[in-house]
Amino acid sequence: MDLRCLIAEHLLSQARARYTDLHRATPLERYELLLRRCPGIARHLPLNAIASFLCVTPQQLSRIRKAVTFSEK
């Protein structure tokens, strides 16, 4: 029973963090946060799936990725 409570609390905290990130952070901040959490995600998932997860359009994600890529150089 204790394990179930721990798992439920963890899932609830993840859902709460995702909800606050969607409302508090800009799309660029959400993308950077995602890249910090999962560095190789762009190689494994299609960009439209990542855009959907971030609640942005694929075109908007493309602009964000371009800004991030050229700001690193």
Protein backbone atom coordinates (compact mmCIF):
# COMPACT_ATOMS: atom_id res chain seq x y z
CA MET A 1 0.00 0.00 0.00
CA ASP A 2 2.86 2.40 0.78
CA LEU A 3 4.36 1.85 -2.65
CA ARG A 4 1.04 2.71 -4.28
CA CYS A 5 0.88 5.95 -2.30
CA LEU A 6 4.43 6.88 -3.29
CA ILE A 7 3.74 6.20 -6.96
CA ALA A 8 0.50 8.20 -6.85
CA GLU A 9 2.23 11.14 -5.17
CA HIS A 10 5.01 11.07 -7.74
CA LEU A 11 2.56 10.99 -10.66
CA LEU A 12 0.56 13.82 -9.12
CA SER A 13 3.66 15.95 -8.66
CA GLN A 14 4.67 15.32 -12.30
CA ALA A 15 1.20 16.30 -13.52
CA ARG A 16 1.25 19.45 -11.38
CA ALA A 17 4.70 20.42 -12.67
CA ARG A 18 3.61 19.87 -16.28
CA TYR A 19 0.47 21.96 -15.75
CA THR A 20 2.36 24.86 -14.20
CA ASP A 21 5.04 24.68 -16.91
CA LEU A 22 2.40 24.95 -19.62
CA HIS A 23 0.92 28.07 -18.05
CA ARG A 24 4.00 29.76 -16.64
CA ALA A 25 6.78 29.10 -19.16
CA THR A 26 7.10 30.37 -22.70
CA PRO A 27 7.31 27.83 -25.54
CA LEU A 28 11.06 28.45 -25.77
CA GLU A 29 11.49 27.79 -22.05
CA ARG A 30 9.39 24.62 -22.30
CA TYR A 31 11.52 23.38 -25.21
CA GLU A 32 14.76 24.08 -23.34
CA LEU A 33 13.39 22.35 -20.24
CA LEU A 34 12.45 19.32 -22.35
CA LEU A 35 15.93 19.18 -23.86
CA ARG A 36 17.47 19.31 -20.39
CA ARG A 37 15.23 16.47 -19.20
CA CYS A 38 15.61 14.33 -22.35
CA PRO A 39 18.70 15.44 -24.33
CA GLY A 40 18.30 13.06 -27.30
CA ILE A 41 14.54 13.31 -27.72
CA ALA A 42 14.68 15.15 -31.07
CA ARG A 43 16.54 12.21 -32.62
CA HIS A 44 13.96 9.65 -31.48
CA LEU A 45 10.58 11.35 -31.94
CA PRO A 46 9.00 13.14 -34.88
CA LEU A 47 8.92 16.90 -34.48
CA ASN A 48 5.14 17.07 -34.71
CA ALA A 49 4.92 14.82 -31.63
CA ILE A 50 7.28 17.11 -29.72
CA ALA A 51 5.30 20.15 -30.86
CA SER A 52 2.10 18.54 -29.68
CA PHE A 53 3.65 17.76 -26.28
CA LEU A 54 4.77 21.40 -25.95
CA CYS A 55 1.37 22.70 -27.12
CA VAL A 56 2.81 24.60 -30.08
CA THR A 57 2.46 24.23 -33.82
CA PRO A 58 5.19 22.44 -35.80
CA GLN A 59 6.04 25.76 -37.50
CA GLN A 60 6.44 27.46 -34.13
CA LEU A 61 8.67 24.60 -32.93
CA SER A 62 10.78 24.94 -36.07
CA ARG A 63 11.35 28.64 -35.31
CA ILE A 64 12.21 27.83 -31.70
CA ARG A 65 14.70 25.16 -32.77
CA LYS A 66 16.28 27.57 -35.24
CA ALA A 67 16.65 30.23 -32.53
CA VAL A 68 18.17 27.74 -30.10
CA THR A 69 20.55 26.31 -32.70
CA PHE A 70 21.87 29.66 -33.88
CA SER A 71 22.11 31.14 -30.38
CA GLU A 72 24.47 28.30 -29.36
CA LYS A 73 26.97 29.13 -32.12
